[in-house]
Structure formats: structure tokens, C-alpha cells
Amino acid sequence: MTAPSTVDAAELSATDLLAAYQAGTLSPVEATRAVLARIEERDPSVNAFCLVDAERALASAHESEQRWLAGSPRGLLDGVPVSIKDILVTKGWPTLRGSHTVSPDQKWDVDAPSVARLREHGAVLTGKVTTPELGWKGVTDSPLYGVTTNPWDTSRTAGGSSGGSAAAVALGMGPLSVGTDGGGSVRIPGSFSGVFAHKPTYGRVPLFPASPFGTLSHIGPMANTVADAALMLDVLSGADSRDWSAAAPVTAGTFSSALADGVAGKRIAFSPTLGYADVDPKVAGAVADAVRVFADLGATVDQVDPGFADPVESFHVLWFSGVAASVEALADEQLARMDAGLQEAVELGRSYSALDYLRATATRMALGQAMGDFHQRYDLLVTPTMPITAFEAGVEVPAGSPSPRWTSWTPFTYAFNMTQQPAASVPCGLVDGLPVGLQVVGARWDDAGVLAACRAFEAARPWSRPPFTPSP
């Protein structure tokens, strides 16, 4: 097999790679070498990877190459390079979660369900990507790994907590990455870093071990194209006996096959603020301009809010209780080594009572019921993903923020973790050279509808990757 001389294999999408493997114009070994070279060249500028296993990746690529030569590829992603967020346990690699409190000297002999599915489908796992400590906040920096920066401007944050995934995908350091999202953690870096990110309906992708954040935590694909993300979701979705809360219904067809459905005839609600968010005027303008695309594509678009108040206080109870639970077994001297903001979040979580938690859960149920009713009238809800563009790297909140916590600048994301709905962030433009994301939210289990709408938007408004300039 010979790679096309005019194309860097690291620039190809997963679907393009698979087509090239099928045609015999490119091999998984050549593609993996190109991705590993791209990591070596570009990762020092953004710090997306916390572990790269070139030897194992190339061995896996050689095995894939032999399967393709024999005409018997295994699964849907055979030979495609993929990175894994360092929250998901991965056999043979330590999962340190950005923390000095996790010892690397232990058995690492279990794959999370999503990692297991990737292996079953022949994916080439290249390494693990960064996360804030224990995945607790909406930017990506940690005591163990340092700061992950934005591929469009390395003085800015990539977003988080799946910032390593976003930066890796944006810079061609693998076409696919698995992220997690408990309050926006694939959509925030998707918006800030200019990649596509999909948070599936809760239960669509099984999770093991169970998250301390409970049923707020989702696992989702991050990619440069909607088709790649849909293909990855075809692989990741399904049942796993280790996740008692996963309840994905049986559906006909695949997410990939639904991409051509488009939005013609769909009823779409556009909410510029959800009724309570402050949005940068330039971001608001870019999003409003993007929403017109759906009307041009044949959808009925109404400007309307879904009609709920900001649920942030209830989200805080649920989220920061999870933060406290995640460190429950640690000694005081271990806690003292953790991110200072995380230590504050632990204390906040410990201050809540069981009654506080039940009240927050009641708010969550009411919110879910309200959105269930809303989707009787509208197929999709679209909003800005973020009210701002990426800010300074290495801090939790932008300068001048009245709050020290990340939820103060993410008003569009966490509500849809509470309701467990599918929600995606699709790049929709640039403001002062930085990406802006459009959030597309669907009714529970309508992941196919969300992906089809995003694919239709992508076809009408294709986006580009960041220009790369190495850091000095």
C-alpha cells in the first residue's frame, strides 16, 4: 500500500482513512506513523497527550494492515488512530486522571466499555489525553499534567474537561478521541477548539467503573467531521453488563445511515440565551447568523426559550457532591496535593445534606419533564454552545468573573446533563480568530436527529482546522 503523495494521512478523516484502506492506497501503518509524527511535532505546543504508546500503536496498526490485505477488516474502525481521555480505564496503561493521588503502580488490566468496543472494532489506540484533575472543571489543567492550551491560540484554554481530546483532534493528532461530559465537558472544548463534539443520550454509551458524578456523566465522540462522530457512536453505543444504568433502546439502522435525513420539515426552536444567559454580542451574532442555515435547509425555525429557570444551584449540589464523593477515600495529606480549586469544591460538596441532594434531584426531574413537553412541540433546540470564546489558559474563569467556579461561564451546557438529552456542539464560525460553537439539543434518544441536523449544517457551512504555528 502506498500513501497518496499529496496528502498528509494525519489530515484525513476516519471515513477517508477507511476508504483509502479499502482502495489499497494507504495502510493503517502509514496512517499511524503520520499521526505519531504529528503528535511529536505539535503536542509540545498544546500539551494534549499525557501518554503516547508508539510501539503498541504500531503493532496494532501492523495487525490491522494484515487484516486489510487479507480482505477481512475487523469491525467499523479497523486501523483508525484513536486517543482516549485519561478518565477512562484502559488495559495496559495507567489511568491517573490528572492527579498525584492515583498511583501508577497497580494493575491496569480492565478496559472501560468504550475502550473495549474500540478494540473490538480494530481501532489503533495511540495514547491517553489530558483532563483536569478527576475531570472536575470546564478547563484542562492539572497538578500532574500541567496546562492544555488552545490549538487556535496557545495563550488560551482548550476548554475542558475533555480539552486534551479537542486539541488532539483539531491538530490532526488522530481523527477521533473519546471524551466524557458531565456538565459540558465535550461540548465546551468542542466550542473553544473548533471541533465537533456529541454528548449522547445518557445510557447510549455504557460506563464502567461507575462515575462518582452519577447519571450526569456521559461518554461521547469528538471528531473533525460529523460523519466520523456518528461512526464512532455506532461503535461505542450498546449494552454492557457492567453498567446497570445503561438503557439504550434497540434502534433500526445506524447513526451513520441517518446522517442524510437532514432538517427539511423539522421544527427547530432557537433560544439565544435560554432566557437567562449573558452572551458576548459577537458570539451572539455569529450564532444567529448560523441558525439561518436551518431555515434555508427547509426547517421551520422559531425564536423561543424552552421556559425553565437557570438550574445551576441544583446542578452545583449534584456536581460538587460528586466531587466530594470522588475523594472520599483520600487522606488529608493527599487532598493537600490536589488542585486548589478542587479542594474548595470538595468542601462545598461536603456541605450539602441528603435533603439538599433530593431537592436537586426533584429539580432535575421537573426539568426533564419540561423538556419532554417542549419536544412535543419542537424537534430540536439550538443555542450557543458557549457565551464567550476561549479565555486565558491556566485559570478556571475568565478575568473579571464574579464567581470563582467554571459553571459561571457555561450556562448552556449543564442543564442538558441534568435532563440526559443528546446535545452536540458544531463549529459555526470565528470571532476575533477564535472558534464559536452552535449547540444542537434533541429529545432523549434522538441522537440520530441531532447528528443529522449537524451534518446538514456542516455541509452548508464547512469549517476549517486551525493554522498551526509551533510554540517558541
Protein backbone atom coordinates (compact mmCIF):
# COMPACT_ATOMS: atom_id res chain seq x y z
CA MET A 1 0.00 0.00 0.00
CA THR A 2 1.25 3.47 -0.82
CA ALA A 3 0.01 6.73 0.69
CA PRO A 4 -1.06 9.46 -1.74
CA SER A 5 1.98 11.70 -2.09
CA THR A 6 -0.01 14.93 -1.97
CA VAL A 7 -1.98 14.19 1.19
CA ASP A 8 -0.71 14.02 4.77
CA ALA A 9 -2.51 10.99 6.20
CA ALA A 10 -2.82 12.84 9.52
CA GLU A 11 -5.18 15.29 7.78
CA LEU A 12 -7.63 12.58 6.72
CA SER A 13 -10.90 11.86 8.49
CA ALA A 14 -11.66 8.40 9.82
CA THR A 15 -14.07 7.76 6.96
CA ASP A 16 -11.42 8.88 4.45
CA LEU A 17 -8.85 6.59 6.04
CA LEU A 18 -11.18 3.62 5.85
CA ALA A 19 -11.92 4.33 2.20
CA ALA A 20 -8.19 4.54 1.48
CA TYR A 21 -7.55 1.25 3.27
CA GLN A 22 -10.32 -0.36 1.25
CA ALA A 23 -8.89 1.02 -2.00
CA GLY A 24 -5.35 -0.02 -1.11
CA THR A 25 -3.95 3.50 -1.44
CA LEU A 26 -2.99 3.82 2.22
CA SER A 27 -2.19 1.40 5.01
CA PRO A 28 -3.01 1.60 8.73
CA VAL A 29 0.74 1.56 9.42
CA GLU A 30 1.32 4.61 7.23
CA ALA A 31 -1.63 6.42 8.81
CA THR A 32 -0.47 5.60 12.33
CA ARG A 33 3.08 6.74 11.59
CA ALA A 34 1.70 10.01 10.23
CA VAL A 35 -0.37 10.56 13.38
CA LEU A 36 2.55 9.72 15.66
CA ALA A 37 4.74 12.16 13.73
CA ARG A 38 2.04 14.80 14.07
CA ILE A 39 1.90 14.21 17.84
CA GLU A 40 5.67 14.58 18.10
CA GLU A 41 5.57 17.79 16.07
CA ARG A 42 2.51 19.51 17.53
CA ASP A 43 1.79 18.22 21.00
CA PRO A 44 4.57 20.26 22.66
CA SER A 45 2.59 23.38 21.67
CA VAL A 46 -0.68 22.33 23.33
CA ASN A 47 0.08 19.52 25.82
CA ALA A 48 -2.84 17.31 24.76
CA PHE A 49 -1.27 13.90 25.40
CA CYS A 50 -0.28 12.55 28.79
CA LEU A 51 0.76 9.16 27.36
CA VAL A 52 1.81 8.09 23.87
CA ASP A 53 2.49 4.41 23.21
CA ALA A 54 4.02 4.38 19.74
CA GLU A 55 5.25 0.81 19.99
CA ARG A 56 1.87 -0.63 20.85
CA ALA A 57 0.08 1.59 18.35
CA LEU A 58 2.35 0.47 15.50
CA ALA A 59 1.96 -3.18 16.49
CA SER A 60 -1.80 -2.76 16.38
CA ALA A 61 -1.54 -0.98 13.03
CA HIS A 62 0.53 -3.84 11.58
CA GLU A 63 -2.13 -6.32 12.68
CA SER A 64 -4.79 -4.15 11.05
CA GLU A 65 -2.75 -3.92 7.85
CA GLN A 66 -2.64 -7.70 7.61
CA ARG A 67 -6.40 -7.93 8.03
CA TRP A 68 -6.97 -5.37 5.26
CA LEU A 69 -4.51 -7.19 2.96
CA ALA A 70 -6.44 -10.40 3.61
CA GLY A 71 -9.69 -8.65 2.79
CA SER A 72 -11.08 -9.24 6.26
CA PRO A 73 -11.10 -5.97 8.26
CA ARG A 74 -12.45 -6.26 11.77
CA GLY A 75 -15.35 -4.01 12.67
CA LEU A 76 -16.04 -0.40 11.74
CA LEU A 77 -12.80 1.35 12.74
CA ASP A 78 -10.09 -1.12 11.76
CA GLY A 79 -6.79 0.75 11.59
CA VAL A 80 -8.13 4.18 12.59
CA PRO A 81 -5.99 6.01 15.20
CA VAL A 82 -7.97 6.98 18.32
CA SER A 83 -6.99 8.66 21.60
CA ILE A 84 -8.63 8.06 24.99
CA LYS A 85 -9.35 10.65 27.67
CA ASP A 86 -7.43 9.79 30.82
CA ILE A 87 -10.61 9.30 32.81
CA LEU A 88 -11.46 6.00 31.10
CA VAL A 89 -9.63 2.90 32.30
CA THR A 90 -7.52 1.30 29.60
CA LYS A 91 -5.87 -2.10 29.80
CA GLY A 92 -2.08 -1.85 29.92
CA TRP A 93 -1.96 1.91 30.53
CA PRO A 94 -2.29 3.81 33.82
CA THR A 95 -5.38 5.97 34.24
CA LEU A 96 -4.13 8.72 36.55
CA ARG A 97 -6.94 11.25 35.95
CA GLY A 98 -4.57 14.19 36.19
CA SER A 99 -3.87 13.53 39.86
CA HIS A 100 -0.84 12.82 42.01
CA THR A 101 -3.20 10.87 44.31
CA VAL A 102 -3.58 7.98 41.85
CA SER A 103 -0.67 5.52 41.96
CA PRO A 104 0.58 4.28 38.59
CA ASP A 105 1.99 1.20 40.34
CA GLN A 106 -1.08 -1.02 40.24
CA LYS A 107 -2.73 -3.47 37.90
CA TRP A 108 -4.22 -1.86 34.84
CA ASP A 109 -5.99 -4.87 33.40
CA VAL A 110 -9.51 -3.61 32.64
CA ASP A 111 -10.91 -1.72 29.66
CA ALA A 112 -13.84 0.64 30.08
CA PRO A 113 -16.72 -0.46 27.82
CA SER A 114 -15.98 2.28 25.30
CA VAL A 115 -12.32 1.28 25.10
CA ALA A 116 -13.27 -2.39 24.76
CA ARG A 117 -15.63 -1.59 21.88
CA LEU A 118 -12.89 0.34 20.09
CA ARG A 119 -10.52 -2.61 20.37
CA GLU A 120 -13.22 -4.99 19.13
CA HIS A 121 -13.63 -2.81 16.05
CA GLY A 122 -9.90 -2.75 15.30
CA ALA A 123 -9.12 0.85 16.27
CA VAL A 124 -5.47 1.76 16.82
CA LEU A 125 -5.16 3.28 20.29
CA THR A 126 -2.35 5.83 20.23
CA GLY A 127 -2.40 7.10 23.80
CA LYS A 128 -4.24 8.96 26.51
CA VAL A 129 -5.14 12.64 26.52
CA THR A 130 -5.25 15.16 29.32
CA THR A 131 -8.00 16.06 31.75
CA PRO A 132 -8.24 18.41 34.72
CA GLU A 133 -7.82 16.55 37.99
CA LEU A 134 -10.61 13.96 38.25
CA GLY A 135 -12.37 15.76 35.38
CA TRP A 136 -13.91 18.24 37.79
CA LYS A 137 -13.95 21.53 35.83
CA GLY A 138 -14.54 23.11 32.42
CA VAL A 139 -10.91 23.84 31.56
CA THR A 140 -8.00 21.44 31.23
CA ASP A 141 -5.12 21.91 33.62
CA SER A 142 -3.98 19.69 36.47
CA PRO A 143 -1.21 19.34 39.05
CA LEU A 144 0.03 16.20 37.26
CA TYR A 145 -0.13 17.20 33.59
CA GLY A 146 0.04 20.99 33.60
CA VAL A 147 -1.97 23.18 31.21
CA THR A 148 -3.54 22.11 27.92
CA THR A 149 -3.82 25.03 25.53
CA ASN A 150 -5.98 26.03 22.59
CA PRO A 151 -4.95 24.92 19.09
CA TRP A 152 -6.05 28.29 17.65
CA ASP A 153 -4.17 30.41 20.21
CA THR A 154 -1.91 28.69 22.69
CA SER A 155 -2.26 31.51 25.20
CA ARG A 156 -5.92 30.46 25.59
CA THR A 157 -7.58 27.43 27.15
CA ALA A 158 -8.69 24.48 25.04
CA GLY A 159 -11.72 24.17 27.31
CA GLY A 160 -12.47 21.10 29.35
CA SER A 161 -12.68 18.73 30.81
CA SER A 162 -12.04 16.90 27.51
CA GLY A 163 -9.57 19.56 26.41
CA GLY A 164 -6.87 17.06 25.52
CA SER A 165 -9.29 15.28 23.19
CA ALA A 166 -10.31 18.53 21.49
CA ALA A 167 -6.76 19.79 20.97
CA ALA A 168 -5.60 16.41 19.66
CA VAL A 169 -8.39 16.17 17.11
CA ALA A 170 -8.13 19.80 16.00
CA LEU A 171 -4.41 19.48 15.23
CA GLY A 172 -4.64 16.17 13.37
CA MET A 173 -3.11 14.12 16.18
CA GLY A 174 -5.66 11.40 15.39
CA PRO A 175 -9.08 11.80 13.75
CA LEU A 176 -11.05 10.53 16.74
CA SER A 177 -10.97 10.85 20.52
CA VAL A 178 -13.24 9.60 23.29
CA GLY A 179 -14.29 12.29 25.76
CA THR A 180 -16.55 12.46 28.79
CA ASP A 181 -19.21 15.06 29.55
CA GLY A 182 -20.77 15.65 32.98
CA GLY A 183 -21.69 19.32 32.59
CA GLY A 184 -20.44 20.23 29.13
CA SER A 185 -17.05 18.53 29.02
CA VAL A 186 -17.06 17.54 25.35
CA ARG A 187 -19.14 20.50 24.17
CA ILE A 188 -17.12 23.22 25.97
CA PRO A 189 -13.77 22.23 24.39
CA GLY A 190 -15.58 21.43 21.14
CA SER A 191 -16.74 25.05 21.00
CA PHE A 192 -13.48 26.60 22.19
CA SER A 193 -11.22 24.43 20.00
CA GLY A 194 -13.33 24.27 16.84
CA VAL A 195 -14.15 20.55 16.63
CA PHE A 196 -17.38 18.57 16.56
CA ALA A 197 -18.46 17.03 19.87
CA HIS A 198 -21.52 14.95 20.67
CA LYS A 199 -22.88 14.14 24.13
CA PRO A 200 -25.19 11.18 23.54
CA THR A 201 -28.38 10.46 25.41
CA TYR A 202 -27.48 9.10 28.84
CA GLY A 203 -27.31 5.32 28.67
CA ARG A 204 -26.49 5.24 24.97
CA VAL A 205 -22.80 4.57 25.77
CA PRO A 206 -22.18 2.38 28.83
CA LEU A 207 -19.76 3.47 31.54
CA PHE A 208 -17.60 1.41 33.89
CA PRO A 209 -16.39 1.95 36.55
CA ALA A 210 -19.38 4.00 37.63
CA SER A 211 -18.77 7.74 37.76
CA PRO A 212 -18.84 9.50 41.15
CA PHE A 213 -20.95 12.11 39.36
CA GLY A 214 -23.65 9.51 38.80
CA THR A 215 -26.00 9.84 35.87
CA LEU A 216 -24.74 13.30 34.93
CA SER A 217 -21.72 11.71 33.24
CA HIS A 218 -21.87 10.82 29.56
CA ILE A 219 -19.26 9.48 27.14
CA GLY A 220 -19.10 10.87 23.64
CA PRO A 221 -17.12 11.15 20.42
CA MET A 222 -15.00 14.11 19.38
CA ALA A 223 -14.00 14.49 15.74
CA ASN A 224 -13.39 16.91 12.89
CA THR A 225 -16.46 15.72 10.98
CA VAL A 226 -20.00 14.73 11.93
CA ALA A 227 -19.69 11.53 9.90
CA ASP A 228 -16.67 10.46 11.95
CA ALA A 229 -18.52 11.11 15.21
CA ALA A 230 -21.57 9.18 14.02
CA LEU A 231 -19.37 6.25 13.01
CA MET A 232 -17.70 6.31 16.40
CA LEU A 233 -21.07 6.38 18.14
CA ASP A 234 -22.09 3.32 16.10
CA VAL A 235 -19.13 1.59 17.74
CA LEU A 236 -19.49 2.94 21.28
CA SER A 237 -23.23 2.55 21.76
CA GLY A 238 -24.90 -0.58 23.09
CA ALA A 239 -25.24 -2.59 26.24
CA ASP A 240 -22.57 -3.66 28.74
CA SER A 241 -23.46 -5.78 31.74
CA ARG A 242 -21.16 -3.75 33.99
CA ASP A 243 -23.30 -0.60 33.63
CA TRP A 244 -26.63 -1.19 35.37
CA SER A 245 -27.89 2.28 34.40
CA ALA A 246 -27.36 1.98 30.65
CA ALA A 247 -30.70 1.54 28.95
CA ALA A 248 -30.21 2.24 25.27
CA PRO A 249 -33.27 1.11 23.31
CA VAL A 250 -32.97 -1.06 20.25
CA THR A 251 -32.97 1.14 17.16
CA ALA A 252 -33.14 0.29 13.49
CA GLY A 253 -30.17 1.19 11.34
CA THR A 254 -27.13 3.13 12.48
CA PHE A 255 -26.31 6.71 13.31
CA SER A 256 -24.17 6.87 10.20
CA SER A 257 -27.07 5.82 7.99
CA ALA A 258 -29.29 8.57 9.44
CA LEU A 259 -26.96 11.44 8.55
CA ALA A 260 -28.64 12.10 5.22
CA ASP A 261 -32.03 12.75 6.86
CA GLY A 262 -31.33 16.48 7.08
CA VAL A 263 -33.68 19.03 8.67
CA ALA A 264 -36.29 19.68 6.00
CA GLY A 265 -39.68 19.82 7.69
CA LYS A 266 -38.20 19.82 11.19
CA ARG A 267 -39.44 22.19 13.87
CA ILE A 268 -36.48 23.98 15.42
CA ALA A 269 -36.52 26.33 18.40
CA PHE A 270 -33.72 28.89 18.59
CA SER A 271 -33.04 30.20 22.08
CA PRO A 272 -30.26 32.83 22.05
CA THR A 273 -29.96 32.94 25.88
CA LEU A 274 -32.15 30.13 27.31
CA GLY A 275 -33.91 33.04 28.96
CA TYR A 276 -31.15 33.74 31.48
CA ALA A 277 -27.64 33.74 29.96
CA ASP A 278 -25.49 36.76 29.10
CA VAL A 279 -23.81 36.28 25.72
CA ASP A 280 -20.95 38.21 24.14
CA PRO A 281 -22.53 40.27 21.32
CA LYS A 282 -20.06 38.98 18.72
CA VAL A 283 -20.75 35.37 19.71
CA ALA A 284 -24.49 36.05 19.66
CA GLY A 285 -24.20 37.49 16.16
CA ALA A 286 -22.23 34.52 14.83
CA VAL A 287 -24.74 32.07 16.28
CA ALA A 288 -27.79 33.96 14.99
CA ASP A 289 -26.25 34.01 11.52
CA ALA A 290 -25.58 30.27 11.73
CA VAL A 291 -29.13 29.44 12.76
CA ARG A 292 -30.44 30.92 9.49
CA VAL A 293 -28.86 27.96 7.72
CA PHE A 294 -31.52 25.64 9.14
CA ALA A 295 -34.31 27.77 7.68
CA ASP A 296 -32.50 27.79 4.34
CA LEU A 297 -32.41 23.98 4.54
CA GLY A 298 -36.17 23.72 4.93
CA ALA A 299 -36.71 23.70 8.68
CA THR A 300 -39.25 25.86 10.49
CA VAL A 301 -37.25 27.99 12.94
CA ASP A 302 -38.90 29.91 15.78
CA GLN A 303 -37.07 32.08 18.29
CA VAL A 304 -38.37 30.80 21.61
CA ASP A 305 -36.96 29.90 25.04
CA PRO A 306 -37.68 26.46 26.49
CA GLY A 307 -39.12 28.12 29.59
CA PHE A 308 -37.03 26.98 32.56
CA ALA A 309 -35.01 28.98 35.07
CA ASP A 310 -31.26 28.54 35.40
CA PRO A 311 -30.80 25.24 37.28
CA VAL A 312 -27.22 26.00 38.28
CA GLU A 313 -27.73 25.78 42.05
CA SER A 314 -29.28 22.34 41.76
CA PHE A 315 -26.52 21.32 39.38
CA HIS A 316 -23.98 22.50 41.95
CA VAL A 317 -25.48 20.21 44.57
CA LEU A 318 -25.34 17.23 42.22
CA TRP A 319 -21.92 18.01 40.76
CA PHE A 320 -19.99 19.07 43.83
CA SER A 321 -21.45 16.22 45.86
CA GLY A 322 -19.88 14.01 43.21
CA VAL A 323 -16.59 15.86 43.58
CA ALA A 324 -16.65 15.17 47.32
CA ALA A 325 -17.51 11.51 46.73
CA SER A 326 -14.62 11.11 44.29
CA VAL A 327 -12.05 11.86 47.01
CA GLU A 328 -13.80 10.24 49.94
CA ALA A 329 -11.11 7.59 50.41
CA LEU A 330 -8.20 10.02 50.37
CA ALA A 331 -6.22 11.11 53.41
CA ASP A 332 -5.81 14.80 54.29
CA GLU A 333 -2.21 14.85 53.07
CA GLN A 334 -3.37 13.54 49.68
CA LEU A 335 -6.08 16.17 49.45
CA ALA A 336 -3.49 18.84 50.13
CA ARG A 337 -1.66 17.86 46.92
CA MET A 338 -4.71 18.43 44.75
CA ASP A 339 -5.79 21.37 42.61
CA ALA A 340 -6.63 24.24 45.00
CA GLY A 341 -9.96 24.83 43.28
CA LEU A 342 -10.79 21.16 43.58
CA GLN A 343 -10.11 21.31 47.31
CA GLU A 344 -12.61 24.17 47.58
CA ALA A 345 -15.12 22.20 45.52
CA VAL A 346 -14.72 19.21 47.85
CA GLU A 347 -15.56 21.36 50.85
CA LEU A 348 -18.60 22.74 49.06
CA GLY A 349 -19.76 19.23 48.21
CA ARG A 350 -19.35 18.09 51.80
CA SER A 351 -21.58 20.92 52.98
CA TYR A 352 -24.68 19.53 51.25
CA SER A 353 -27.16 17.27 53.00
CA ALA A 354 -29.10 14.29 51.71
CA LEU A 355 -32.16 16.52 51.68
CA ASP A 356 -30.28 19.04 49.51
CA TYR A 357 -29.46 16.24 47.10
CA LEU A 358 -33.05 15.02 46.93
CA ARG A 359 -34.30 18.55 46.32
CA ALA A 360 -31.79 18.98 43.50
CA THR A 361 -32.91 15.65 42.08
CA ALA A 362 -36.51 16.85 42.17
CA THR A 363 -35.49 19.97 40.24
CA ARG A 364 -33.74 17.73 37.77
CA MET A 365 -36.83 15.58 37.26
CA ALA A 366 -39.03 18.62 36.75
CA LEU A 367 -36.56 19.98 34.22
CA GLY A 368 -36.60 16.69 32.35
CA GLN A 369 -40.38 16.69 32.30
CA ALA A 370 -40.45 20.26 30.99
CA MET A 371 -38.06 19.42 28.18
CA GLY A 372 -40.05 16.30 27.36
CA ASP A 373 -43.09 18.53 26.87
CA PHE A 374 -41.05 21.07 24.91
CA HIS A 375 -40.01 18.41 22.43
CA GLN A 376 -43.62 17.59 21.73
CA ARG A 377 -43.66 20.98 20.01
CA TYR A 378 -40.12 21.21 18.69
CA ASP A 379 -37.86 18.52 17.28
CA LEU A 380 -34.66 20.36 18.13
CA LEU A 381 -33.45 23.23 20.30
CA VAL A 382 -30.46 25.27 19.16
CA THR A 383 -28.43 27.66 21.32
CA PRO A 384 -24.89 28.99 21.53
CA THR A 385 -22.66 26.30 22.99
CA MET A 386 -20.72 28.91 24.92
CA PRO A 387 -21.47 32.58 25.60
CA ILE A 388 -17.83 33.53 25.05
CA THR A 389 -14.75 32.45 23.15
CA ALA A 390 -11.73 30.82 24.78
CA PHE A 391 -10.06 32.83 27.56
CA GLU A 392 -6.64 32.72 29.22
CA ALA A 393 -5.15 29.27 29.72
CA GLY A 394 -4.41 28.02 33.25
CA VAL A 395 -7.31 29.67 35.08
CA GLU A 396 -10.79 28.38 35.91
CA VAL A 397 -12.72 31.51 34.98
CA PRO A 398 -12.10 34.49 32.67
CA ALA A 399 -10.75 37.75 34.04
CA GLY A 400 -13.36 39.79 35.88
CA SER A 401 -15.63 36.85 36.63
CA PRO A 402 -17.84 37.45 39.67
CA SER A 403 -17.67 33.73 40.51
CA PRO A 404 -14.62 31.51 41.04
CA ARG A 405 -16.31 28.41 39.58
CA TRP A 406 -16.46 27.20 35.98
CA THR A 407 -20.25 26.94 35.91
CA SER A 408 -20.47 30.76 35.85
CA TRP A 409 -19.44 30.84 32.17
CA THR A 410 -21.09 27.61 30.90
CA PRO A 411 -24.82 28.43 31.15
CA PHE A 412 -25.85 26.49 28.04
CA THR A 413 -24.42 23.05 28.78
CA TYR A 414 -25.10 21.62 32.25
CA ALA A 415 -28.91 21.70 32.02
CA PHE A 416 -28.81 19.01 29.35
CA ASN A 417 -26.70 16.72 31.50
CA MET A 418 -29.41 17.02 34.11
CA THR A 419 -32.07 16.09 31.52
CA GLN A 420 -29.85 13.41 29.90
CA GLN A 421 -30.69 14.65 26.40
CA PRO A 422 -28.39 14.35 23.39
CA ALA A 423 -26.56 17.60 22.70
CA ALA A 424 -23.81 18.41 20.23
CA SER A 425 -21.53 21.36 19.55
CA VAL A 426 -20.85 22.10 15.90
CA PRO A 427 -18.34 24.79 14.83
CA CYS A 428 -20.24 27.72 13.33
CA GLY A 429 -17.68 30.49 12.80
CA LEU A 430 -14.84 32.54 14.23
CA VAL A 431 -14.89 35.63 16.44
CA ASP A 432 -11.59 37.52 16.54
CA GLY A 433 -9.86 34.40 15.23
CA LEU A 434 -11.32 32.05 17.85
CA PRO A 435 -13.96 29.35 17.25
CA VAL A 436 -17.63 29.64 18.17
CA GLY A 437 -19.89 26.63 18.66
CA LEU A 438 -23.58 26.09 17.94
CA GLN A 439 -25.33 23.68 20.34
CA VAL A 440 -27.98 21.36 18.91
CA VAL A 441 -30.17 19.59 21.50
CA GLY A 442 -32.63 16.79 20.80
CA ALA A 443 -35.27 14.84 22.68
CA ARG A 444 -33.98 11.90 24.71
CA TRP A 445 -32.87 9.05 22.40
CA ASP A 446 -33.00 11.26 19.28
CA ASP A 447 -29.23 11.19 18.79
CA ALA A 448 -29.84 10.43 15.12
CA GLY A 449 -31.86 13.63 14.69
CA VAL A 450 -29.16 15.74 16.36
CA LEU A 451 -26.42 14.21 14.22
CA ALA A 452 -28.44 14.59 11.01
CA ALA A 453 -29.04 18.28 11.75
CA CYS A 454 -25.36 18.83 12.48
CA ARG A 455 -24.37 17.03 9.27
CA ALA A 456 -26.76 19.21 7.26
CA PHE A 457 -25.25 22.32 8.85
CA GLU A 458 -21.71 21.06 8.20
CA ALA A 459 -22.49 20.50 4.52
CA ALA A 460 -23.83 24.05 4.22
CA ARG A 461 -21.15 25.69 6.39
CA PRO A 462 -17.98 23.56 6.37
CA TRP A 463 -15.33 24.57 8.89
CA SER A 464 -11.55 24.51 8.78
CA ARG A 465 -8.81 23.36 11.09
CA PRO A 466 -6.61 25.85 12.94
CA PRO A 467 -3.47 27.16 11.28
CA PHE A 468 -0.57 25.63 13.18
CA THR A 469 2.38 27.64 14.42
CA PRO A 470 4.75 25.82 16.79
CA SER A 471 5.26 27.43 20.18
CA PRO A 472 8.69 29.04 20.60
